[in-house]
């Protein structure tokens, strides 16, 4: 009989947060954490649904005033820009971390060469 591991809600939230703040793929994060790819994917989807429900309890629908499906409403544009802004902030943080690591490595190798 196979035993299914139980993970705490805190562990699941931390795993999803790690997935969101890194540029690593879902399978790599799952492997690093020692969890199933399917479990992590489900946790991520659940977290996304919870965020959507928190922002908009009703299903997202276009107002009837939109004449064409390609037309972007102000609310849709604001959401898109906020998503882009969050992605850019995440990328900026990652680049800052990379730069700090490279600075430390350069200092280390400079000491080694003396």
C-alpha atoms as a PDB file:
ATOM      1  CA  UNK A   1       0.000   0.000   0.000  1.00  0.00           C
ATOM      2  CA  UNK A   2       1.341   3.394  -0.996  1.00  0.00           C
ATOM      3  CA  UNK A   3       1.527   6.196   1.564  1.00  0.00           C
ATOM      4  CA  UNK A   4       0.549   9.650   0.310  1.00  0.00           C
ATOM      5  CA  UNK A   5       2.542  12.388   2.046  1.00  0.00           C
ATOM      6  CA  UNK A   6       0.616  15.177   3.784  1.00  0.00           C
ATOM      7  CA  UNK A   7       1.942  18.716   3.505  1.00  0.00           C
ATOM      8  CA  UNK A   8       0.942  21.607   5.733  1.00  0.00           C
ATOM      9  CA  UNK A   9      -0.842  24.622   4.309  1.00  0.00           C
ATOM     10  CA  UNK A  10       2.181  26.728   5.236  1.00  0.00           C
ATOM     11  CA  UNK A  11       4.513  24.454   3.255  1.00  0.00           C
ATOM     12  CA  UNK A  12       2.178  24.601   0.262  1.00  0.00           C
ATOM     13  CA  UNK A  13       1.991  28.406   0.430  1.00  0.00           C
ATOM     14  CA  UNK A  14       5.778  28.654   0.688  1.00  0.00           C
ATOM     15  CA  UNK A  15       6.213  26.298  -2.269  1.00  0.00           C
ATOM     16  CA  UNK A  16       3.851  28.394  -4.404  1.00  0.00           C
ATOM     17  CA  UNK A  17       5.599  31.599  -3.316  1.00  0.00           C
ATOM     18  CA  UNK A  18       8.952  30.097  -4.279  1.00  0.00           C
ATOM     19  CA  UNK A  19       7.577  29.114  -7.665  1.00  0.00           C
ATOM     20  CA  UNK A  20       6.208  32.616  -8.244  1.00  0.00           C
ATOM     21  CA  UNK A  21       9.306  34.546  -7.215  1.00  0.00           C
ATOM     22  CA  UNK A  22      11.881  32.486  -9.108  1.00  0.00           C
ATOM     23  CA  UNK A  23      12.414  32.047 -12.798  1.00  0.00           C
ATOM     24  CA  UNK A  24      12.855  28.295 -12.379  1.00  0.00           C
ATOM     25  CA  UNK A  25      10.374  26.005 -14.042  1.00  0.00           C
ATOM     26  CA  UNK A  26       7.701  24.117 -12.159  1.00  0.00           C
ATOM     27  CA  UNK A  27       9.418  20.702 -12.508  1.00  0.00           C
ATOM     28  CA  UNK A  28      12.714  22.084 -11.206  1.00  0.00           C
ATOM     29  CA  UNK A  29      11.103  23.712  -8.169  1.00  0.00           C
ATOM     30  CA  UNK A  30       9.125  20.538  -7.474  1.00  0.00           C
ATOM     31  CA  UNK A  31      12.281  18.430  -7.686  1.00  0.00           C
ATOM     32  CA  UNK A  32      14.187  20.823  -5.406  1.00  0.00           C
ATOM     33  CA  UNK A  33      11.396  20.666  -2.816  1.00  0.00           C
ATOM     34  CA  UNK A  34      10.964  16.913  -3.134  1.00  0.00           C
ATOM     35  CA  UNK A  35       7.299  17.068  -4.109  1.00  0.00           C
ATOM     36  CA  UNK A  36       5.385  15.775  -7.073  1.00  0.00           C
ATOM     37  CA  UNK A  37       5.114  18.054 -10.103  1.00  0.00           C
ATOM     38  CA  UNK A  38       1.393  17.366 -10.130  1.00  0.00           C
ATOM     39  CA  UNK A  39       1.003  18.367  -6.479  1.00  0.00           C
ATOM     40  CA  UNK A  40       2.878  21.628  -6.970  1.00  0.00           C
ATOM     41  CA  UNK A  41       0.871  22.399 -10.112  1.00  0.00           C
ATOM     42  CA  UNK A  42      -2.388  21.817  -8.221  1.00  0.00           C
ATOM     43  CA  UNK A  43      -1.248  24.004  -5.321  1.00  0.00           C
ATOM     44  CA  UNK A  44      -0.324  26.754  -7.773  1.00  0.00           C
ATOM     45  CA  UNK A  45      -3.683  26.538  -9.547  1.00  0.00           C
ATOM     46  CA  UNK A  46      -5.509  26.589  -6.200  1.00  0.00           C
ATOM     47  CA  UNK A  47      -3.556  29.678  -5.148  1.00  0.00           C
ATOM     48  CA  UNK A  48      -4.401  31.427  -8.416  1.00  0.00           C
ATOM     49  CA  UNK A  49      -8.075  30.608  -8.020  1.00  0.00           C
ATOM     50  CA  UNK A  50      -8.027  31.876  -4.435  1.00  0.00           C
ATOM     51  CA  UNK A  51      -6.443  35.143  -5.578  1.00  0.00           C
ATOM     52  CA  UNK A  52      -9.036  35.532  -8.319  1.00  0.00           C
ATOM     53  CA  UNK A  53     -11.874  34.838  -5.908  1.00  0.00           C
ATOM     54  CA  UNK A  54     -10.445  37.388  -3.512  1.00  0.00           C
ATOM     55  CA  UNK A  55     -10.348  40.050  -6.203  1.00  0.00           C
ATOM     56  CA  UNK A  56     -13.533  39.175  -8.071  1.00  0.00           C
ATOM     57  CA  UNK A  57     -15.993  36.734  -6.615  1.00  0.00           C
ATOM     58  CA  UNK A  58     -18.035  36.620  -9.811  1.00  0.00           C
ATOM     59  CA  UNK A  59     -16.790  35.171 -13.063  1.00  0.00           C
ATOM     60  CA  UNK A  60     -14.851  37.618 -15.167  1.00  0.00           C
ATOM     61  CA  UNK A  61     -17.101  38.941 -17.910  1.00  0.00           C
ATOM     62  CA  UNK A  62     -16.728  41.731 -20.406  1.00  0.00           C
ATOM     63  CA  UNK A  63     -19.156  44.567 -20.103  1.00  0.00           C
ATOM     64  CA  UNK A  64     -21.819  44.557 -22.796  1.00  0.00           C
ATOM     65  CA  UNK A  65     -20.621  47.992 -23.942  1.00  0.00           C
ATOM     66  CA  UNK A  66     -17.456  46.477 -25.437  1.00  0.00           C
ATOM     67  CA  UNK A  67     -18.085  46.401 -29.153  1.00  0.00           C
ATOM     68  CA  UNK A  68     -15.294  44.032 -30.142  1.00  0.00           C
ATOM     69  CA  UNK A  69     -13.503  41.206 -28.322  1.00  0.00           C
ATOM     70  CA  UNK A  70     -10.153  42.873 -29.111  1.00  0.00           C
ATOM     71  CA  UNK A  71     -11.209  46.084 -27.370  1.00  0.00           C
ATOM     72  CA  UNK A  72      -9.575  46.411 -23.957  1.00  0.00           C
ATOM     73  CA  UNK A  73     -11.535  47.957 -21.115  1.00  0.00           C
ATOM     74  CA  UNK A  74      -9.916  50.255 -18.570  1.00  0.00           C
ATOM     75  CA  UNK A  75     -10.165  47.575 -15.885  1.00  0.00           C
ATOM     76  CA  UNK A  76      -8.596  44.944 -18.157  1.00  0.00           C
ATOM     77  CA  UNK A  77      -5.810  47.329 -19.107  1.00  0.00           C
ATOM     78  CA  UNK A  78      -5.151  48.159 -15.444  1.00  0.00           C
ATOM     79  CA  UNK A  79      -4.980  44.451 -14.553  1.00  0.00           C
ATOM     80  CA  UNK A  80      -2.622  43.767 -17.461  1.00  0.00           C
ATOM     81  CA  UNK A  81      -0.348  46.639 -16.496  1.00  0.00           C
ATOM     82  CA  UNK A  82      -0.319  45.507 -12.856  1.00  0.00           C
ATOM     83  CA  UNK A  83       0.633  41.980 -13.938  1.00  0.00           C
ATOM     84  CA  UNK A  84       3.403  43.350 -16.161  1.00  0.00           C
ATOM     85  CA  UNK A  85       4.613  45.585 -13.339  1.00  0.00           C
ATOM     86  CA  UNK A  86       4.724  42.649 -10.914  1.00  0.00           C
ATOM     87  CA  UNK A  87       6.645  40.552 -13.447  1.00  0.00           C
ATOM     88  CA  UNK A  88       9.135  43.358 -14.028  1.00  0.00           C
ATOM     89  CA  UNK A  89       9.610  43.847 -10.283  1.00  0.00           C
ATOM     90  CA  UNK A  90      10.249  40.125  -9.893  1.00  0.00           C
ATOM     91  CA  UNK A  91      12.762  40.164 -12.741  1.00  0.00           C
ATOM     92  CA  UNK A  92      14.446  43.260 -11.270  1.00  0.00           C
ATOM     93  CA  UNK A  93      14.870  41.540  -7.892  1.00  0.00           C
ATOM     94  CA  UNK A  94      16.298  38.470  -9.584  1.00  0.00           C
ATOM     95  CA  UNK A  95      18.782  40.586 -11.539  1.00  0.00           C
ATOM     96  CA  UNK A  96      19.811  42.418  -8.366  1.00  0.00           C
ATOM     97  CA  UNK A  97      20.478  39.082  -6.667  1.00  0.00           C
ATOM     98  CA  UNK A  98      22.487  37.888  -9.663  1.00  0.00           C
ATOM     99  CA  UNK A  99      24.548  41.078  -9.630  1.00  0.00           C
ATOM    100  CA  UNK A 100      25.306  40.693  -5.910  1.00  0.00           C
ATOM    101  CA  UNK A 101      26.400  37.091  -6.440  1.00  0.00           C
ATOM    102  CA  UNK A 102      28.675  38.146  -9.287  1.00  0.00           C
ATOM    103  CA  UNK A 103      30.177  40.930  -7.165  1.00  0.00           C
ATOM    104  CA  UNK A 104      30.967  38.448  -4.396  1.00  0.00           C
ATOM    105  CA  UNK A 105      32.431  35.979  -6.885  1.00  0.00           C
ATOM    106  CA  UNK A 106      34.589  38.694  -8.455  1.00  0.00           C
ATOM    107  CA  UNK A 107      35.878  39.731  -5.021  1.00  0.00           C
ATOM    108  CA  UNK A 108      36.608  36.113  -4.134  1.00  0.00           C
ATOM    109  CA  UNK A 109      38.559  35.475  -7.335  1.00  0.00           C
ATOM    110  CA  UNK A 110      40.415  38.762  -6.956  1.00  0.00           C
ATOM    111  CA  UNK A 111      41.639  37.598  -3.547  1.00  0.00           C
ATOM    112  CA  UNK A 112      42.564  34.185  -4.964  1.00  0.00           C
ATOM    113  CA  UNK A 113      44.734  35.697  -7.690  1.00  0.00           C
ATOM    114  CA  UNK A 114      46.798  37.787  -5.235  1.00  0.00           C
END
